[in-house]
Amino acid sequence: VGGGLELALAADLRVAGENAKLGLPETSLAIVPGAGGTQRLPRLIGTARAKELIYTGRTLDSRLALDYGILQHVVPAGEALGKSTEIALQIVKNGPIAIRAAKEAIDAGIEATDMTSALEVEKACYQRVLTTSDRLEGLAAFREGRPPEYEGK
């Protein structure tokens, strides 16, 4: 709730226990969310929903936060760290340069004012990974039916 949610909104992915409550109640204290909540929440769930949550100061249970798209996963209480670790372990199996490039393409694309600019960023990111050793390793591993051994090169 409050600053904790604002911190979570800065993350790429969010996992919470089923007993979690999420919201930005600052307006009920006559202040404004001041750590990115007024900017990140609307980009994540849409302007109207974000305005309702911020204007009313209402908190959501984890299931509704999942439905709204604030959370990607809701797990039994006490299991959020385990689920987060599971996701992280899936991510680190992939090419690190490709992960960074995908993040850059997504983040810059969302901020772009038009689709043409967004697609140009994606194209540049794609072209950058084409020249990596990791790309060659990924293709070879796929062809040979083995797990890839990426080096971040």
N, C-alpha and C. Protein backbone atom coordinates (compact mmCIF):
# COMPACT_ATOMS: atom_id res chain seq x y z
N VAL A 1 0.85 -1.18 0.00
CA VAL A 1 0.00 0.00 0.00
C VAL A 1 0.89 1.24 0.00
N GLY A 2 0.47 2.26 -0.71
CA GLY A 2 1.22 3.52 -0.74
C GLY A 2 2.57 3.36 -1.38
N GLY A 3 3.61 3.80 -0.64
CA GLY A 3 4.97 3.75 -1.17
C GLY A 3 5.42 2.36 -1.55
N GLY A 4 4.92 1.35 -0.85
CA GLY A 4 5.27 -0.03 -1.21
C GLY A 4 4.76 -0.40 -2.59
N LEU A 5 3.53 0.01 -2.90
CA LEU A 5 3.00 -0.25 -4.24
C LEU A 5 3.76 0.57 -5.27
N GLU A 6 4.09 1.81 -4.94
CA GLU A 6 4.84 2.62 -5.89
C GLU A 6 6.19 1.98 -6.21
N LEU A 7 6.83 1.42 -5.23
CA LEU A 7 8.09 0.70 -5.45
C LEU A 7 7.84 -0.51 -6.35
N ALA A 8 6.79 -1.26 -6.07
CA ALA A 8 6.47 -2.45 -6.88
C ALA A 8 6.14 -2.06 -8.32
N LEU A 9 5.49 -0.91 -8.52
CA LEU A 9 5.14 -0.47 -9.87
C LEU A 9 6.37 -0.19 -10.72
N ALA A 10 7.50 0.07 -10.08
CA ALA A 10 8.74 0.31 -10.82
C ALA A 10 9.37 -0.98 -11.32
N ALA A 11 8.89 -2.12 -10.84
CA ALA A 11 9.43 -3.42 -11.26
C ALA A 11 8.79 -3.87 -12.57
N ASP A 12 9.48 -4.75 -13.27
CA ASP A 12 8.94 -5.29 -14.52
C ASP A 12 7.81 -6.28 -14.27
N LEU A 13 7.90 -7.05 -13.21
CA LEU A 13 6.91 -8.07 -12.88
C LEU A 13 6.57 -7.97 -11.40
N ARG A 14 5.33 -8.34 -11.05
CA ARG A 14 4.90 -8.27 -9.66
C ARG A 14 4.18 -9.55 -9.26
N VAL A 15 4.58 -10.10 -8.11
CA VAL A 15 4.00 -11.31 -7.53
C VAL A 15 3.59 -10.96 -6.11
N ALA A 16 2.41 -11.42 -5.69
CA ALA A 16 1.97 -11.14 -4.32
C ALA A 16 1.24 -12.35 -3.75
N GLY A 17 1.23 -12.41 -2.43
CA GLY A 17 0.46 -13.43 -1.74
C GLY A 17 -1.02 -13.11 -1.79
N GLU A 18 -1.84 -14.14 -1.64
CA GLU A 18 -3.28 -13.97 -1.74
C GLU A 18 -3.86 -13.05 -0.66
N ASN A 19 -3.11 -12.82 0.39
CA ASN A 19 -3.57 -11.95 1.47
C ASN A 19 -3.13 -10.49 1.30
N ALA A 20 -2.44 -10.18 0.20
CA ALA A 20 -1.91 -8.83 -0.02
C ALA A 20 -3.03 -7.83 -0.31
N LYS A 21 -2.80 -6.60 0.10
CA LYS A 21 -3.68 -5.47 -0.22
C LYS A 21 -2.83 -4.45 -0.96
N LEU A 22 -3.37 -3.92 -2.05
CA LEU A 22 -2.63 -2.96 -2.86
C LEU A 22 -3.47 -1.72 -3.08
N GLY A 23 -2.84 -0.57 -3.00
CA GLY A 23 -3.54 0.67 -3.24
C GLY A 23 -2.63 1.86 -3.02
N LEU A 24 -3.14 3.02 -3.41
CA LEU A 24 -2.44 4.28 -3.22
C LEU A 24 -3.39 5.19 -2.42
N PRO A 25 -3.39 5.07 -1.10
CA PRO A 25 -4.35 5.79 -0.27
C PRO A 25 -3.94 7.23 0.08
N GLU A 26 -2.91 7.75 -0.55
CA GLU A 26 -2.37 9.05 -0.17
C GLU A 26 -3.41 10.16 -0.17
N THR A 27 -4.36 10.15 -1.13
CA THR A 27 -5.34 11.24 -1.17
C THR A 27 -6.22 11.26 0.07
N SER A 28 -6.37 10.12 0.74
CA SER A 28 -7.15 10.10 1.99
C SER A 28 -6.39 10.81 3.12
N LEU A 29 -5.11 11.07 2.89
CA LEU A 29 -4.28 11.81 3.84
C LEU A 29 -4.00 13.23 3.33
N ALA A 30 -4.73 13.63 2.28
CA ALA A 30 -4.60 14.95 1.66
C ALA A 30 -3.23 15.17 1.03
N ILE A 31 -2.61 14.08 0.54
CA ILE A 31 -1.38 14.18 -0.23
C ILE A 31 -1.55 13.42 -1.53
N VAL A 32 -0.55 13.45 -2.37
CA VAL A 32 -0.58 12.80 -3.67
C VAL A 32 0.50 11.72 -3.68
N PRO A 33 0.24 10.56 -4.32
CA PRO A 33 1.32 9.59 -4.47
C PRO A 33 2.51 10.30 -5.13
N GLY A 34 3.65 10.30 -4.47
CA GLY A 34 4.77 11.10 -4.95
C GLY A 34 6.01 10.32 -5.32
N ALA A 35 5.88 9.02 -5.47
CA ALA A 35 7.05 8.21 -5.84
C ALA A 35 6.79 7.44 -7.13
N GLY A 36 6.06 8.06 -8.04
CA GLY A 36 5.82 7.45 -9.34
C GLY A 36 4.45 6.85 -9.54
N GLY A 37 3.64 6.78 -8.49
CA GLY A 37 2.33 6.14 -8.61
C GLY A 37 1.39 6.81 -9.60
N THR A 38 1.42 8.15 -9.66
CA THR A 38 0.52 8.84 -10.59
C THR A 38 0.94 8.68 -12.04
N GLN A 39 2.15 8.21 -12.27
CA GLN A 39 2.65 8.03 -13.62
C GLN A 39 2.67 6.56 -14.03
N ARG A 40 3.10 5.70 -13.14
CA ARG A 40 3.23 4.29 -13.50
C ARG A 40 1.90 3.55 -13.49
N LEU A 41 1.05 3.82 -12.51
CA LEU A 41 -0.22 3.09 -12.43
C LEU A 41 -1.09 3.31 -13.67
N PRO A 42 -1.28 4.56 -14.15
CA PRO A 42 -2.09 4.73 -15.37
C PRO A 42 -1.51 4.03 -16.59
N ARG A 43 -0.20 4.01 -16.70
CA ARG A 43 0.43 3.33 -17.84
C ARG A 43 0.21 1.82 -17.76
N LEU A 44 0.04 1.33 -16.56
CA LEU A 44 -0.12 -0.11 -16.35
C LEU A 44 -1.57 -0.55 -16.50
N ILE A 45 -2.51 0.19 -15.92
CA ILE A 45 -3.90 -0.28 -15.89
C ILE A 45 -4.88 0.63 -16.60
N GLY A 46 -4.39 1.71 -17.19
CA GLY A 46 -5.28 2.65 -17.86
C GLY A 46 -5.60 3.85 -16.97
N THR A 47 -5.87 4.94 -17.63
CA THR A 47 -6.07 6.21 -16.92
C THR A 47 -7.29 6.18 -16.02
N ALA A 48 -8.43 5.72 -16.51
CA ALA A 48 -9.67 5.78 -15.72
C ALA A 48 -9.57 4.94 -14.45
N ARG A 49 -9.07 3.72 -14.57
CA ARG A 49 -8.94 2.87 -13.38
C ARG A 49 -7.95 3.46 -12.38
N ALA A 50 -6.85 3.97 -12.90
CA ALA A 50 -5.85 4.58 -12.01
C ALA A 50 -6.43 5.79 -11.30
N LYS A 51 -7.14 6.63 -12.02
CA LYS A 51 -7.75 7.80 -11.40
C LYS A 51 -8.73 7.39 -10.31
N GLU A 52 -9.54 6.38 -10.58
CA GLU A 52 -10.49 5.93 -9.56
C GLU A 52 -9.75 5.47 -8.31
N LEU A 53 -8.73 4.65 -8.48
CA LEU A 53 -8.00 4.14 -7.31
C LEU A 53 -7.30 5.26 -6.54
N ILE A 54 -6.69 6.18 -7.27
CA ILE A 54 -5.97 7.26 -6.60
C ILE A 54 -6.95 8.26 -5.97
N TYR A 55 -7.99 8.65 -6.70
CA TYR A 55 -8.94 9.63 -6.17
C TYR A 55 -9.68 9.11 -4.94
N THR A 56 -10.03 7.82 -4.95
CA THR A 56 -10.79 7.26 -3.83
C THR A 56 -9.89 6.77 -2.70
N GLY A 57 -8.63 6.49 -3.00
CA GLY A 57 -7.73 5.93 -1.99
C GLY A 57 -8.04 4.48 -1.66
N ARG A 58 -8.85 3.85 -2.50
CA ARG A 58 -9.30 2.48 -2.26
C ARG A 58 -8.15 1.49 -2.40
N THR A 59 -8.19 0.44 -1.58
CA THR A 59 -7.22 -0.65 -1.73
C THR A 59 -7.91 -1.84 -2.39
N LEU A 60 -7.10 -2.61 -3.09
CA LEU A 60 -7.59 -3.80 -3.79
C LEU A 60 -7.04 -5.04 -3.11
N ASP A 61 -7.83 -6.11 -3.11
CA ASP A 61 -7.25 -7.39 -2.69
C ASP A 61 -6.43 -7.92 -3.86
N SER A 62 -5.64 -8.93 -3.61
CA SER A 62 -4.70 -9.41 -4.62
C SER A 62 -5.39 -9.95 -5.86
N ARG A 63 -6.55 -10.58 -5.71
CA ARG A 63 -7.25 -11.13 -6.89
C ARG A 63 -7.71 -10.01 -7.82
N LEU A 64 -8.26 -8.94 -7.24
CA LEU A 64 -8.70 -7.82 -8.08
C LEU A 64 -7.49 -7.11 -8.69
N ALA A 65 -6.41 -7.01 -7.93
CA ALA A 65 -5.18 -6.42 -8.48
C ALA A 65 -4.66 -7.25 -9.65
N LEU A 66 -4.81 -8.55 -9.58
CA LEU A 66 -4.45 -9.43 -10.69
C LEU A 66 -5.36 -9.17 -11.88
N ASP A 67 -6.66 -9.08 -11.64
CA ASP A 67 -7.61 -8.79 -12.71
C ASP A 67 -7.32 -7.44 -13.37
N TYR A 68 -6.93 -6.46 -12.58
CA TYR A 68 -6.62 -5.13 -13.10
C TYR A 68 -5.31 -5.11 -13.88
N GLY A 69 -4.46 -6.11 -13.70
CA GLY A 69 -3.17 -6.15 -14.38
C GLY A 69 -2.04 -5.55 -13.57
N ILE A 70 -2.29 -5.25 -12.30
CA ILE A 70 -1.21 -4.74 -11.45
C ILE A 70 -0.25 -5.87 -11.09
N LEU A 71 -0.80 -7.04 -10.85
CA LEU A 71 0.00 -8.22 -10.53
C LEU A 71 0.00 -9.18 -11.70
N GLN A 72 1.09 -9.94 -11.83
CA GLN A 72 1.13 -11.02 -12.83
C GLN A 72 0.78 -12.36 -12.19
N HIS A 73 1.04 -12.49 -10.89
CA HIS A 73 0.78 -13.76 -10.21
C HIS A 73 0.31 -13.50 -8.79
N VAL A 74 -0.67 -14.30 -8.35
CA VAL A 74 -1.10 -14.33 -6.95
C VAL A 74 -0.89 -15.76 -6.48
N VAL A 75 -0.21 -15.90 -5.35
CA VAL A 75 0.13 -17.21 -4.81
C VAL A 75 -0.34 -17.30 -3.36
N PRO A 76 -0.38 -18.50 -2.80
CA PRO A 76 -0.74 -18.61 -1.38
C PRO A 76 0.17 -17.74 -0.51
N ALA A 77 -0.38 -17.28 0.60
CA ALA A 77 0.38 -16.43 1.52
C ALA A 77 1.71 -17.09 1.88
N GLY A 78 2.77 -16.31 1.85
CA GLY A 78 4.10 -16.81 2.19
C GLY A 78 4.86 -17.43 1.04
N GLU A 79 4.26 -17.50 -0.16
CA GLU A 79 4.93 -18.15 -1.29
C GLU A 79 5.35 -17.19 -2.40
N ALA A 80 5.23 -15.89 -2.17
CA ALA A 80 5.57 -14.91 -3.21
C ALA A 80 7.06 -14.96 -3.56
N LEU A 81 7.91 -15.07 -2.57
CA LEU A 81 9.35 -15.13 -2.84
C LEU A 81 9.69 -16.37 -3.66
N GLY A 82 9.09 -17.49 -3.34
CA GLY A 82 9.34 -18.72 -4.10
C GLY A 82 8.91 -18.58 -5.55
N LYS A 83 7.74 -18.00 -5.78
CA LYS A 83 7.25 -17.81 -7.15
C LYS A 83 8.14 -16.82 -7.89
N SER A 84 8.54 -15.75 -7.21
CA SER A 84 9.43 -14.77 -7.84
C SER A 84 10.75 -15.41 -8.24
N THR A 85 11.28 -16.24 -7.38
CA THR A 85 12.53 -16.94 -7.66
C THR A 85 12.35 -17.89 -8.85
N GLU A 86 11.23 -18.59 -8.88
CA GLU A 86 10.93 -19.49 -10.01
C GLU A 86 10.93 -18.73 -11.33
N ILE A 87 10.29 -17.57 -11.36
CA ILE A 87 10.25 -16.76 -12.58
C ILE A 87 11.65 -16.28 -12.94
N ALA A 88 12.39 -15.80 -11.94
CA ALA A 88 13.76 -15.32 -12.19
C ALA A 88 14.63 -16.43 -12.78
N LEU A 89 14.48 -17.64 -12.27
CA LEU A 89 15.27 -18.76 -12.78
C LEU A 89 14.90 -19.10 -14.22
N GLN A 90 13.64 -18.90 -14.60
CA GLN A 90 13.24 -19.09 -15.99
C GLN A 90 13.87 -18.02 -16.87
N ILE A 91 13.89 -16.79 -16.38
CA ILE A 91 14.44 -15.68 -17.16
C ILE A 91 15.93 -15.85 -17.39
N VAL A 92 16.68 -16.22 -16.34
CA VAL A 92 18.14 -16.29 -16.48
C VAL A 92 18.60 -17.44 -17.38
N LYS A 93 17.72 -18.34 -17.74
CA LYS A 93 18.07 -19.39 -18.69
C LYS A 93 18.18 -18.84 -20.11
N ASN A 94 17.60 -17.68 -20.34
CA ASN A 94 17.56 -17.08 -21.67
C ASN A 94 18.77 -16.18 -21.90
N GLY A 95 18.95 -15.79 -23.14
CA GLY A 95 20.10 -14.96 -23.50
C GLY A 95 20.04 -13.60 -22.81
N PRO A 96 21.05 -13.26 -22.02
CA PRO A 96 21.01 -12.01 -21.28
C PRO A 96 20.97 -10.76 -22.16
N ILE A 97 21.65 -10.79 -23.28
CA ILE A 97 21.62 -9.64 -24.18
C ILE A 97 20.23 -9.51 -24.78
N ALA A 98 19.62 -10.63 -25.13
CA ALA A 98 18.26 -10.60 -25.69
C ALA A 98 17.25 -10.11 -24.66
N ILE A 99 17.41 -10.50 -23.40
CA ILE A 99 16.51 -10.03 -22.35
C ILE A 99 16.62 -8.52 -22.20
N ARG A 100 17.86 -8.01 -22.15
CA ARG A 100 18.05 -6.55 -22.03
C ARG A 100 17.48 -5.83 -23.24
N ALA A 101 17.69 -6.38 -24.42
CA ALA A 101 17.17 -5.74 -25.64
C ALA A 101 15.65 -5.77 -25.67
N ALA A 102 15.06 -6.87 -25.25
CA ALA A 102 13.59 -6.95 -25.20
C ALA A 102 13.03 -5.93 -24.22
N LYS A 103 13.67 -5.79 -23.06
CA LYS A 103 13.23 -4.80 -22.07
C LYS A 103 13.33 -3.39 -22.66
N GLU A 104 14.44 -3.11 -23.31
CA GLU A 104 14.61 -1.79 -23.93
C GLU A 104 13.53 -1.54 -24.98
N ALA A 105 13.28 -2.53 -25.83
CA ALA A 105 12.27 -2.36 -26.88
C ALA A 105 10.89 -2.13 -26.30
N ILE A 106 10.54 -2.89 -25.28
CA ILE A 106 9.21 -2.75 -24.65
C ILE A 106 9.10 -1.39 -23.97
N ASP A 107 10.07 -1.06 -23.13
CA ASP A 107 10.01 0.19 -22.37
C ASP A 107 10.01 1.41 -23.29
N ALA A 108 10.90 1.43 -24.26
CA ALA A 108 10.96 2.57 -25.17
C ALA A 108 9.73 2.62 -26.07
N GLY A 109 9.25 1.46 -26.47
CA GLY A 109 8.06 1.41 -27.31
C GLY A 109 6.83 1.95 -26.62
N ILE A 110 6.68 1.64 -25.34
CA ILE A 110 5.54 2.15 -24.58
C ILE A 110 5.59 3.66 -24.47
N GLU A 111 6.79 4.21 -24.36
CA GLU A 111 6.96 5.65 -24.21
C GLU A 111 6.90 6.39 -25.55
N ALA A 112 7.05 5.66 -26.66
CA ALA A 112 7.04 6.30 -27.98
C ALA A 112 5.68 6.93 -28.26
N THR A 113 5.72 8.00 -29.03
CA THR A 113 4.48 8.70 -29.34
C THR A 113 3.72 8.07 -30.51
N ASP A 114 4.38 7.20 -31.26
CA ASP A 114 3.71 6.57 -32.39
C ASP A 114 4.29 5.18 -32.63
N MET A 115 3.53 4.36 -33.33
CA MET A 115 3.93 2.98 -33.59
C MET A 115 5.17 2.91 -34.46
N THR A 116 5.33 3.81 -35.41
CA THR A 116 6.50 3.78 -36.28
C THR A 116 7.78 3.93 -35.47
N SER A 117 7.79 4.87 -34.55
CA SER A 117 8.97 5.07 -33.69
C SER A 117 9.21 3.84 -32.82
N ALA A 118 8.14 3.28 -32.28
CA ALA A 118 8.26 2.10 -31.43
C ALA A 118 8.86 0.93 -32.22
N LEU A 119 8.39 0.74 -33.44
CA LEU A 119 8.90 -0.35 -34.26
C LEU A 119 10.36 -0.13 -34.67
N GLU A 120 10.76 1.12 -34.81
CA GLU A 120 12.17 1.42 -35.11
C GLU A 120 13.07 1.01 -33.94
N VAL A 121 12.60 1.27 -32.72
CA VAL A 121 13.37 0.84 -31.54
C VAL A 121 13.48 -0.68 -31.52
N GLU A 122 12.35 -1.35 -31.77
CA GLU A 122 12.37 -2.81 -31.78
C GLU A 122 13.34 -3.33 -32.84
N LYS A 123 13.29 -2.74 -34.01
CA LYS A 123 14.18 -3.16 -35.10
C LYS A 123 15.65 -3.00 -34.71
N ALA A 124 15.98 -1.87 -34.09
CA ALA A 124 17.36 -1.63 -33.67
C ALA A 124 17.80 -2.66 -32.62
N CYS A 125 16.92 -2.97 -31.70
CA CYS A 125 17.23 -3.98 -30.68
C CYS A 125 17.42 -5.35 -31.32
N TYR A 126 16.55 -5.69 -32.25
CA TYR A 126 16.64 -6.97 -32.94
C TYR A 126 17.97 -7.07 -33.71
N GLN A 127 18.30 -6.02 -34.43
CA GLN A 127 19.54 -6.04 -35.21
C GLN A 127 20.77 -6.15 -34.31
N ARG A 128 20.70 -5.53 -33.14
CA ARG A 128 21.83 -5.59 -32.21
C ARG A 128 22.08 -7.02 -31.72
N VAL A 129 21.02 -7.79 -31.48
CA VAL A 129 21.23 -9.16 -30.97
C VAL A 129 21.64 -10.13 -32.09
N LEU A 130 21.39 -9.77 -33.33
CA LEU A 130 21.75 -10.66 -34.43
C LEU A 130 23.25 -10.90 -34.52
N THR A 131 24.04 -9.98 -34.02
CA THR A 131 25.50 -10.10 -34.15
C THR A 131 26.16 -10.73 -32.92
N THR A 132 25.36 -11.25 -31.99
CA THR A 132 25.94 -11.78 -30.75
C THR A 132 26.32 -13.25 -30.86
N SER A 133 27.30 -13.63 -30.08
CA SER A 133 27.67 -15.04 -29.96
C SER A 133 26.54 -15.83 -29.31
N ASP A 134 25.83 -15.18 -28.39
CA ASP A 134 24.71 -15.86 -27.73
C ASP A 134 23.65 -16.30 -28.74
N ARG A 135 23.40 -15.49 -29.75
CA ARG A 135 22.42 -15.87 -30.76
C ARG A 135 22.86 -17.13 -31.49
N LEU A 136 24.13 -17.19 -31.85
CA LEU A 136 24.64 -18.38 -32.52
C LEU A 136 24.56 -19.59 -31.61
N GLU A 137 24.88 -19.41 -30.33
CA GLU A 137 24.79 -20.50 -29.35
C GLU A 137 23.35 -20.97 -29.20
N GLY A 138 22.41 -20.04 -29.15
CA GLY A 138 21.01 -20.41 -29.02
C GLY A 138 20.52 -21.24 -30.19
N LEU A 139 20.90 -20.84 -31.40
CA LEU A 139 20.50 -21.59 -32.59
C LEU A 139 21.16 -22.97 -32.62
N ALA A 140 22.44 -23.02 -32.27
CA ALA A 140 23.15 -24.31 -32.25
C ALA A 140 22.55 -25.25 -31.21
N ALA A 141 22.26 -24.72 -30.03
CA ALA A 141 21.67 -25.55 -28.97
C ALA A 141 20.31 -26.07 -29.39
N PHE A 142 19.53 -25.24 -30.03
CA PHE A 142 18.21 -25.67 -30.50
C PHE A 142 18.35 -26.79 -31.53
N ARG A 143 19.25 -26.58 -32.47
CA ARG A 143 19.48 -27.57 -33.54
C ARG A 143 19.98 -28.90 -32.96
N GLU A 144 20.82 -28.82 -31.92
CA GLU A 144 21.42 -30.02 -31.32
C GLU A 144 20.58 -30.61 -30.19
N GLY A 145 19.49 -29.98 -29.85
CA GLY A 145 18.60 -30.49 -28.82
C GLY A 145 19.19 -30.45 -27.41
N ARG A 146 19.96 -29.43 -27.12
CA ARG A 146 20.57 -29.29 -25.79
C ARG A 146 20.27 -27.90 -25.23
N PRO A 147 20.43 -27.74 -23.94
CA PRO A 147 20.24 -26.41 -23.36
C PRO A 147 21.37 -25.47 -23.79
N PRO A 148 21.07 -24.22 -24.07
CA PRO A 148 22.12 -23.28 -24.46
C PRO A 148 22.99 -22.89 -23.27
N GLU A 149 24.21 -22.49 -23.58
CA GLU A 149 25.13 -21.99 -22.56
C GLU A 149 25.51 -20.56 -22.95
N TYR A 150 24.69 -19.61 -22.53
CA TYR A 150 24.90 -18.21 -22.89
C TYR A 150 26.01 -17.58 -22.07
N GLU A 151 26.75 -16.68 -22.70
CA GLU A 151 27.86 -16.00 -22.04
C GLU A 151 27.67 -14.49 -21.98
N GLY A 152 26.57 -14.00 -22.52
CA GLY A 152 26.37 -12.56 -22.53
C GLY A 152 27.26 -11.83 -23.52
N LYS A 153 27.59 -12.52 -24.62
CA LYS A 153 28.46 -11.94 -25.65
C LYS A 153 27.79 -11.99 -27.00
